[in-house]
Amino acid sequence: MRFRGALLTLFIVPVVVGQFLIARGTPVPDGAECPGMMVDDESEERSGPMSEKDVCDVYSYSTNLSYGTRTRTQQFNYQGEQRGTYYRIGMFLTGYGLLGSAVVVAAAWPWRREPDED
C-alpha cells in the first residue's frame, strides 16, 4: 500500500505543476509587458504598459547584458508564443498526472484485490 501511495504522489506532482503552468499562461489584459527596460519615443525610461511607440530593451538580469530590443507588436507576439508553450506543457503534464493517478487508483480498487483466504 505504501508503494501505491508513493506512486500516486508522483502522479499528483505533475498535475500541480501543470495547473501552475496553465495559470501562468493566462494573458495579461493590458497587452504587452516589457520584462526589461522600456524606453519611450523621447528616449526616456518609463514604466507601465507599453504604448505603440515604446521600445523594450530585453535585458538578462543573470548576465547583466541586453540581448536586443522589441517593439510593442513584437513583444505582444512573443508573449503569445510563450502563453501557447505554457498551455501545451501544462495540459500535457495535467493529462499525464490525471491518467497515471487514474491507473493507480483503478489498480487499488477493492474489486481488483484478491479475496482473503482464512
Foldseek 3Di string as FASTA:
>chain_A
DVVLVVQLVVLVVLQVVLVVLLVVLDDDVLAFAAPAWKAAPVRDTDHDDADQRIKHQHADPVVRDTDDIDGRVRRRVVSNVSSVVSNVSSVVSNVRSVVSNVVSCVCVDVVNDDDDDD
